[in-house]
Amino acid sequence: MMDWVPVVFVTFKLLALGIAMFFAIKWHYDQGEKGETQAMLRTCGKMAAVFMLAVIGAGLVAFTFSRMLGLDLSFP
């Protein structure tokens, strides 16, 4: 009964991320055509740093929440 849920969620996630990446790349490409290479590189660096902090933060929250629920997260 619930076998379709992961398929729908993964499909939605891939579709949403694909669209977001397309527009992000298009925006950066358009910015680069304007000759503002330094600003584009600075913005890309900031975005990469924010993304890494968000990934690390989400991982820490998930790990902490999993430990609070009593899940065994140790390696075999």
PDB file of N, CA and C in Angstrom:
ATOM      1  N   MET A   1       0.826  -1.195   0.000  1.00  0.00           N
ATOM      2  CA  MET A   1       0.000   0.000   0.000  1.00  0.00           C
ATOM      3  C   MET A   1       0.870   1.260   0.000  1.00  0.00           C
ATOM      4  N   MET A   2       1.923   1.269   0.801  1.00  0.00           N
ATOM      5  CA  MET A   2       2.755   2.462   0.924  1.00  0.00           C
ATOM      6  C   MET A   2       4.001   2.383   0.039  1.00  0.00           C
ATOM      7  N   ASP A   3       4.036   1.459  -0.910  1.00  0.00           N
ATOM      8  CA  ASP A   3       5.212   1.314  -1.761  1.00  0.00           C
ATOM      9  C   ASP A   3       5.383   2.484  -2.723  1.00  0.00           C
ATOM     10  N   TRP A   4       4.344   3.213  -3.020  1.00  0.00           N
ATOM     11  CA  TRP A   4       4.416   4.305  -3.977  1.00  0.00           C
ATOM     12  C   TRP A   4       4.925   5.602  -3.347  1.00  0.00           C
ATOM     13  N   VAL A   5       4.889   5.698  -2.016  1.00  0.00           N
ATOM     14  CA  VAL A   5       5.270   6.950  -1.358  1.00  0.00           C
ATOM     15  C   VAL A   5       6.730   7.326  -1.636  1.00  0.00           C
ATOM     16  N   PRO A   6       7.707   6.413  -1.456  1.00  0.00           N
ATOM     17  CA  PRO A   6       9.087   6.808  -1.767  1.00  0.00           C
ATOM     18  C   PRO A   6       9.283   7.187  -3.234  1.00  0.00           C
ATOM     19  N   VAL A   7       8.578   6.501  -4.127  1.00  0.00           N
ATOM     20  CA  VAL A   7       8.713   6.810  -5.546  1.00  0.00           C
ATOM     21  C   VAL A   7       8.230   8.232  -5.821  1.00  0.00           C
ATOM     22  N   VAL A   8       7.095   8.599  -5.248  1.00  0.00           N
ATOM     23  CA  VAL A   8       6.549   9.940  -5.466  1.00  0.00           C
ATOM     24  C   VAL A   8       7.461  10.992  -4.838  1.00  0.00           C
ATOM     25  N   PHE A   9       7.922  10.759  -3.612  1.00  0.00           N
ATOM     26  CA  PHE A   9       8.765  11.752  -2.943  1.00  0.00           C
ATOM     27  C   PHE A   9      10.110  11.912  -3.640  1.00  0.00           C
ATOM     28  N   VAL A  10      10.726  10.822  -4.053  1.00  0.00           N
ATOM     29  CA  VAL A  10      12.023  10.909  -4.734  1.00  0.00           C
ATOM     30  C   VAL A  10      11.854  11.595  -6.087  1.00  0.00           C
ATOM     31  N   THR A  11      10.778  11.265  -6.790  1.00  0.00           N
ATOM     32  CA  THR A  11      10.523  11.913  -8.074  1.00  0.00           C
ATOM     33  C   THR A  11      10.320  13.416  -7.894  1.00  0.00           C
ATOM     34  N   PHE A  12       9.533  13.800  -6.903  1.00  0.00           N
ATOM     35  CA  PHE A  12       9.310  15.218  -6.633  1.00  0.00           C
ATOM     36  C   PHE A  12      10.617  15.915  -6.255  1.00  0.00           C
ATOM     37  N   LYS A  13      11.404  15.271  -5.429  1.00  0.00           N
ATOM     38  CA  LYS A  13      12.661  15.868  -4.994  1.00  0.00           C
ATOM     39  C   LYS A  13      13.607  16.066  -6.175  1.00  0.00           C
ATOM     40  N   LEU A  14      13.734  15.051  -7.021  1.00  0.00           N
ATOM     41  CA  LEU A  14      14.609  15.173  -8.181  1.00  0.00           C
ATOM     42  C   LEU A  14      14.108  16.245  -9.140  1.00  0.00           C
ATOM     43  N   LEU A  15      12.806  16.322  -9.329  1.00  0.00           N
ATOM     44  CA  LEU A  15      12.237  17.333 -10.201  1.00  0.00           C
ATOM     45  C   LEU A  15      12.477  18.738  -9.641  1.00  0.00           C
ATOM     46  N   ALA A  16      12.221  18.922  -8.352  1.00  0.00           N
ATOM     47  CA  ALA A  16      12.404  20.241  -7.733  1.00  0.00           C
ATOM     48  C   ALA A  16      13.878  20.654  -7.754  1.00  0.00           C
ATOM     49  N   LEU A  17      14.773  19.740  -7.417  1.00  0.00           N
ATOM     50  CA  LEU A  17      16.194  20.075  -7.420  1.00  0.00           C
ATOM     51  C   LEU A  17      16.696  20.325  -8.835  1.00  0.00           C
ATOM     52  N   GLY A  18      16.195  19.567  -9.797  1.00  0.00           N
ATOM     53  CA  GLY A  18      16.596  19.768 -11.182  1.00  0.00           C
ATOM     54  C   GLY A  18      16.189  21.141 -11.694  1.00  0.00           C
ATOM     55  N   ILE A  19      14.961  21.549 -11.390  1.00  0.00           N
ATOM     56  CA  ILE A  19      14.488  22.862 -11.812  1.00  0.00           C
ATOM     57  C   ILE A  19      15.289  23.964 -11.117  1.00  0.00           C
ATOM     58  N   ALA A  20      15.528  23.792  -9.827  1.00  0.00           N
ATOM     59  CA  ALA A  20      16.292  24.798  -9.082  1.00  0.00           C
ATOM     60  C   ALA A  20      17.720  24.909  -9.618  1.00  0.00           C
ATOM     61  N   MET A  21      18.345  23.774  -9.921  1.00  0.00           N
ATOM     62  CA  MET A  21      19.705  23.829 -10.457  1.00  0.00           C
ATOM     63  C   MET A  21      19.731  24.479 -11.839  1.00  0.00           C
ATOM     64  N   PHE A  22      18.732  24.187 -12.660  1.00  0.00           N
ATOM     65  CA  PHE A  22      18.677  24.812 -13.991  1.00  0.00           C
ATOM     66  C   PHE A  22      18.635  26.327 -13.872  1.00  0.00           C
ATOM     67  N   PHE A  23      17.733  26.840 -13.030  1.00  0.00           N
ATOM     68  CA  PHE A  23      17.617  28.289 -12.910  1.00  0.00           C
ATOM     69  C   PHE A  23      18.828  28.905 -12.216  1.00  0.00           C
ATOM     70  N   ALA A  24      19.442  28.190 -11.280  1.00  0.00           N
ATOM     71  CA  ALA A  24      20.648  28.708 -10.632  1.00  0.00           C
ATOM     72  C   ALA A  24      21.794  28.812 -11.630  1.00  0.00           C
ATOM     73  N   ILE A  25      21.969  27.779 -12.446  1.00  0.00           N
ATOM     74  CA  ILE A  25      23.036  27.805 -13.443  1.00  0.00           C
ATOM     75  C   ILE A  25      22.761  28.879 -14.482  1.00  0.00           C
ATOM     76  N   LYS A  26      21.512  28.989 -14.909  1.00  0.00           N
ATOM     77  CA  LYS A  26      21.138  30.017 -15.891  1.00  0.00           C
ATOM     78  C   LYS A  26      21.400  31.416 -15.335  1.00  0.00           C
ATOM     79  N   TRP A  27      21.041  31.641 -14.077  1.00  0.00           N
ATOM     80  CA  TRP A  27      21.248  32.953 -13.474  1.00  0.00           C
ATOM     81  C   TRP A  27      22.738  33.276 -13.408  1.00  0.00           C
ATOM     82  N   HIS A  28      23.542  32.287 -12.980  1.00  0.00           N
ATOM     83  CA  HIS A  28      24.974  32.538 -12.885  1.00  0.00           C
ATOM     84  C   HIS A  28      25.591  32.757 -14.266  1.00  0.00           C
ATOM     85  N   TYR A  29      25.118  32.018 -15.240  1.00  0.00           N
ATOM     86  CA  TYR A  29      25.625  32.213 -16.598  1.00  0.00           C
ATOM     87  C   TYR A  29      25.277  33.610 -17.095  1.00  0.00           C
ATOM     88  N   ASP A  30      24.054  34.042 -16.854  1.00  0.00           N
ATOM     89  CA  ASP A  30      23.646  35.384 -17.275  1.00  0.00           C
ATOM     90  C   ASP A  30      24.451  36.462 -16.554  1.00  0.00           C
ATOM     91  N   GLN A  31      24.749  36.235 -15.294  1.00  0.00           N
ATOM     92  CA  GLN A  31      25.555  37.203 -14.550  1.00  0.00           C
ATOM     93  C   GLN A  31      26.972  37.263 -15.110  1.00  0.00           C
ATOM     94  N   GLY A  32      27.506  36.114 -15.512  1.00  0.00           N
ATOM     95  CA  GLY A  32      28.855  36.064 -16.059  1.00  0.00           C
ATOM     96  C   GLY A  32      28.958  36.762 -17.399  1.00  0.00           C
ATOM     97  N   GLU A  33      27.888  36.748 -18.176  1.00  0.00           N
ATOM     98  CA  GLU A  33      27.908  37.420 -19.476  1.00  0.00           C
ATOM     99  C   GLU A  33      27.977  38.933 -19.333  1.00  0.00           C
ATOM    100  N   LYS A  34      27.575  39.444 -18.205  1.00  0.00           N
ATOM    101  CA  LYS A  34      27.594  40.886 -17.994  1.00  0.00           C
ATOM    102  C   LYS A  34      29.002  41.405 -17.719  1.00  0.00           C
ATOM    103  N   GLY A  35      29.957  40.518 -17.541  1.00  0.00           N
ATOM    104  CA  GLY A  35      31.325  40.939 -17.287  1.00  0.00           C
ATOM    105  C   GLY A  35      31.636  41.105 -15.810  1.00  0.00           C
ATOM    106  N   GLU A  36      30.753  40.681 -14.958  1.00  0.00           N
ATOM    107  CA  GLU A  36      30.966  40.808 -13.518  1.00  0.00           C
ATOM    108  C   GLU A  36      31.520  39.493 -12.968  1.00  0.00           C
ATOM    109  N   THR A  37      32.672  39.105 -13.450  1.00  0.00           N
ATOM    110  CA  THR A  37      33.250  37.818 -13.082  1.00  0.00           C
ATOM    111  C   THR A  37      33.596  37.758 -11.602  1.00  0.00           C
ATOM    112  N   GLN A  38      34.172  38.832 -11.080  1.00  0.00           N
ATOM    113  CA  GLN A  38      34.555  38.847  -9.667  1.00  0.00           C
ATOM    114  C   GLN A  38      33.329  38.717  -8.762  1.00  0.00           C
ATOM    115  N   ALA A  39      32.278  39.444  -9.085  1.00  0.00           N
ATOM    116  CA  ALA A  39      31.060  39.372  -8.274  1.00  0.00           C
ATOM    117  C   ALA A  39      30.439  37.994  -8.370  1.00  0.00           C
ATOM    118  N   MET A  40      30.479  37.388  -9.553  1.00  0.00           N
ATOM    119  CA  MET A  40      29.915  36.062  -9.729  1.00  0.00           C
ATOM    120  C   MET A  40      30.696  35.033  -8.906  1.00  0.00           C
ATOM    121  N   LEU A  41      32.016  35.106  -8.945  1.00  0.00           N
ATOM    122  CA  LEU A  41      32.825  34.167  -8.168  1.00  0.00           C
ATOM    123  C   LEU A  41      32.612  34.359  -6.666  1.00  0.00           C
ATOM    124  N   ARG A  42      32.494  35.591  -6.237  1.00  0.00           N
ATOM    125  CA  ARG A  42      32.257  35.865  -4.830  1.00  0.00           C
ATOM    126  C   ARG A  42      30.897  35.319  -4.399  1.00  0.00           C
ATOM    127  N   THR A  43      29.881  35.517  -5.226  1.00  0.00           N
ATOM    128  CA  THR A  43      28.552  35.004  -4.924  1.00  0.00           C
ATOM    129  C   THR A  43      28.543  33.483  -4.910  1.00  0.00           C
ATOM    130  N   CYS A  44      29.222  32.863  -5.859  1.00  0.00           N
ATOM    131  CA  CYS A  44      29.297  31.394  -5.894  1.00  0.00           C
ATOM    132  C   CYS A  44      29.983  30.854  -4.648  1.00  0.00           C
ATOM    133  N   GLY A  45      31.028  31.520  -4.219  1.00  0.00           N
ATOM    134  CA  GLY A  45      31.719  31.100  -3.007  1.00  0.00           C
ATOM    135  C   GLY A  45      30.835  31.210  -1.774  1.00  0.00           C
ATOM    136  N   LYS A  46      30.097  32.308  -1.679  1.00  0.00           N
ATOM    137  CA  LYS A  46      29.186  32.479  -0.554  1.00  0.00           C
ATOM    138  C   LYS A  46      28.085  31.430  -0.569  1.00  0.00           C
ATOM    139  N   MET A  47      27.546  31.164  -1.761  1.00  0.00           N
ATOM    140  CA  MET A  47      26.482  30.171  -1.867  1.00  0.00           C
ATOM    141  C   MET A  47      26.995  28.781  -1.508  1.00  0.00           C
ATOM    142  N   ALA A  48      28.194  28.446  -1.925  1.00  0.00           N
ATOM    143  CA  ALA A  48      28.780  27.148  -1.598  1.00  0.00           C
ATOM    144  C   ALA A  48      28.995  27.020  -0.094  1.00  0.00           C
ATOM    145  N   ALA A  49      29.455  28.093   0.537  1.00  0.00           N
ATOM    146  CA  ALA A  49      29.673  28.064   1.982  1.00  0.00           C
ATOM    147  C   ALA A  49      28.359  27.916   2.737  1.00  0.00           C
ATOM    148  N   VAL A  50      27.348  28.650   2.327  1.00  0.00           N
ATOM    149  CA  VAL A  50      26.037  28.545   2.980  1.00  0.00           C
ATOM    150  C   VAL A  50      25.453  27.157   2.777  1.00  0.00           C
ATOM    151  N   PHE A  51      25.612  26.605   1.570  1.00  0.00           N
ATOM    152  CA  PHE A  51      25.105  25.257   1.302  1.00  0.00           C
ATOM    153  C   PHE A  51      25.796  24.224   2.190  1.00  0.00           C
ATOM    154  N   MET A  52      27.112  24.327   2.313  1.00  0.00           N
ATOM    155  CA  MET A  52      27.843  23.363   3.153  1.00  0.00           C
ATOM    156  C   MET A  52      27.432  23.491   4.616  1.00  0.00           C
ATOM    157  N   LEU A  53      27.254  24.708   5.095  1.00  0.00           N
ATOM    158  CA  LEU A  53      26.797  24.895   6.474  1.00  0.00           C
ATOM    159  C   LEU A  53      25.395  24.318   6.667  1.00  0.00           C
ATOM    160  N   ALA A  54      24.525  24.489   5.676  1.00  0.00           N
ATOM    161  CA  ALA A  54      23.171  23.943   5.769  1.00  0.00           C
ATOM    162  C   ALA A  54      23.198  22.423   5.779  1.00  0.00           C
ATOM    163  N   VAL A  55      24.048  21.814   4.956  1.00  0.00           N
ATOM    164  CA  VAL A  55      24.149  20.359   4.917  1.00  0.00           C
ATOM    165  C   VAL A  55      24.692  19.827   6.236  1.00  0.00           C
ATOM    166  N   ILE A  56      25.714  20.467   6.747  1.00  0.00           N
ATOM    167  CA  ILE A  56      26.292  20.034   8.026  1.00  0.00           C
ATOM    168  C   ILE A  56      25.275  20.224   9.150  1.00  0.00           C
ATOM    169  N   GLY A  57      24.578  21.359   9.154  1.00  0.00           N
ATOM    170  CA  GLY A  57      23.563  21.604  10.184  1.00  0.00           C
ATOM    171  C   GLY A  57      22.429  20.599  10.120  1.00  0.00           C
ATOM    172  N   ALA A  58      21.945  20.295   8.913  1.00  0.00           N
ATOM    173  CA  ALA A  58      20.863  19.312   8.771  1.00  0.00           C
ATOM    174  C   ALA A  58      21.334  17.934   9.222  1.00  0.00           C
ATOM    175  N   GLY A  59      22.572  17.594   8.904  1.00  0.00           N
ATOM    176  CA  GLY A  59      23.115  16.306   9.340  1.00  0.00           C
ATOM    177  C   GLY A  59      23.220  16.215  10.859  1.00  0.00           C
ATOM    178  N   LEU A  60      23.686  17.291  11.482  1.00  0.00           N
ATOM    179  CA  LEU A  60      23.789  17.294  12.943  1.00  0.00           C
ATOM    180  C   LEU A  60      22.418  17.224  13.614  1.00  0.00           C
ATOM    181  N   VAL A  61      21.451  17.949  13.069  1.00  0.00           N
ATOM    182  CA  VAL A  61      20.095  17.891  13.623  1.00  0.00           C
ATOM    183  C   VAL A  61      19.523  16.495  13.472  1.00  0.00           C
ATOM    184  N   ALA A  62      19.698  15.881  12.303  1.00  0.00           N
ATOM    185  CA  ALA A  62      19.186  14.529  12.081  1.00  0.00           C
ATOM    186  C   ALA A  62      19.876  13.531  13.003  1.00  0.00           C
ATOM    187  N   PHE A  63      21.196  13.663  13.161  1.00  0.00           N
ATOM    188  CA  PHE A  63      21.938  12.748  14.029  1.00  0.00           C
ATOM    189  C   PHE A  63      21.491  12.905  15.485  1.00  0.00           C
ATOM    190  N   THR A  64      21.359  14.142  15.942  1.00  0.00           N
ATOM    191  CA  THR A  64      20.935  14.392  17.318  1.00  0.00           C
ATOM    192  C   THR A  64      19.522  13.881  17.560  1.00  0.00           C
ATOM    193  N   PHE A  65      18.617  14.153  16.620  1.00  0.00           N
ATOM    194  CA  PHE A  65      17.237  13.697  16.759  1.00  0.00           C
ATOM    195  C   PHE A  65      17.166  12.172  16.747  1.00  0.00           C
ATOM    196  N   SER A  66      17.987  11.531  15.911  1.00  0.00           N
ATOM    197  CA  SER A  66      18.006  10.072  15.861  1.00  0.00           C
ATOM    198  C   SER A  66      18.516   9.485  17.168  1.00  0.00           C
ATOM    199  N   ARG A  67      19.521  10.120  17.736  1.00  0.00           N
ATOM    200  CA  ARG A  67      20.054   9.633  19.020  1.00  0.00           C
ATOM    201  C   ARG A  67      19.028   9.807  20.130  1.00  0.00           C
ATOM    202  N   MET A  68      18.266  10.919  20.087  1.00  0.00           N
ATOM    203  CA  MET A  68      17.244  11.146  21.113  1.00  0.00           C
ATOM    204  C   MET A  68      16.148  10.100  21.012  1.00  0.00           C
ATOM    205  N   LEU A  69      15.882   9.601  19.820  1.00  0.00           N
ATOM    206  CA  LEU A  69      14.859   8.576  19.630  1.00  0.00           C
ATOM    207  C   LEU A  69      15.379   7.178  19.979  1.00  0.00           C
ATOM    208  N   GLY A  70      16.652   7.088  20.269  1.00  0.00           N
ATOM    209  CA  GLY A  70      17.221   5.811  20.686  1.00  0.00           C
ATOM    210  C   GLY A  70      17.701   4.923  19.550  1.00  0.00           C
ATOM    211  N   LEU A  71      17.914   5.484  18.382  1.00  0.00           N
ATOM    212  CA  LEU A  71      18.397   4.700  17.258  1.00  0.00           C
ATOM    213  C   LEU A  71      19.887   4.421  17.404  1.00  0.00           C
ATOM    214  N   ASP A  72      20.301   3.212  17.038  1.00  0.00           N
ATOM    215  CA  ASP A  72      21.705   2.836  17.119  1.00  0.00           C
ATOM    216  C   ASP A  72      22.393   3.259  15.825  1.00  0.00           C
ATOM    217  N   LEU A  73      23.247   4.267  15.901  1.00  0.00           N
ATOM    218  CA  LEU A  73      23.907   4.787  14.714  1.00  0.00           C
ATOM    219  C   LEU A  73      25.370   4.423  14.653  1.00  0.00           C
ATOM    220  N   SER A  74      25.789   3.421  15.410  1.00  0.00           N
ATOM    221  CA  SER A  74      27.182   3.028  15.412  1.00  0.00           C
ATOM    222  C   SER A  74      27.483   2.159  14.190  1.00  0.00           C
ATOM    223  N   PHE A  75      28.724   2.245  13.714  1.00  0.00           N
ATOM    224  CA  PHE A  75      29.141   1.426  12.587  1.00  0.00           C
ATOM    225  C   PHE A  75      29.352  -0.008  13.058  1.00  0.00           C
ATOM    226  N   PRO A  76      29.136  -0.986  12.192  1.00  0.00           N
ATOM    227  CA  PRO A  76      29.307  -2.411  12.606  1.00  0.00           C
ATOM    228  C   PRO A  76      30.730  -2.758  12.903  1.00  0.00           C
TER     229      PRO A  76
END
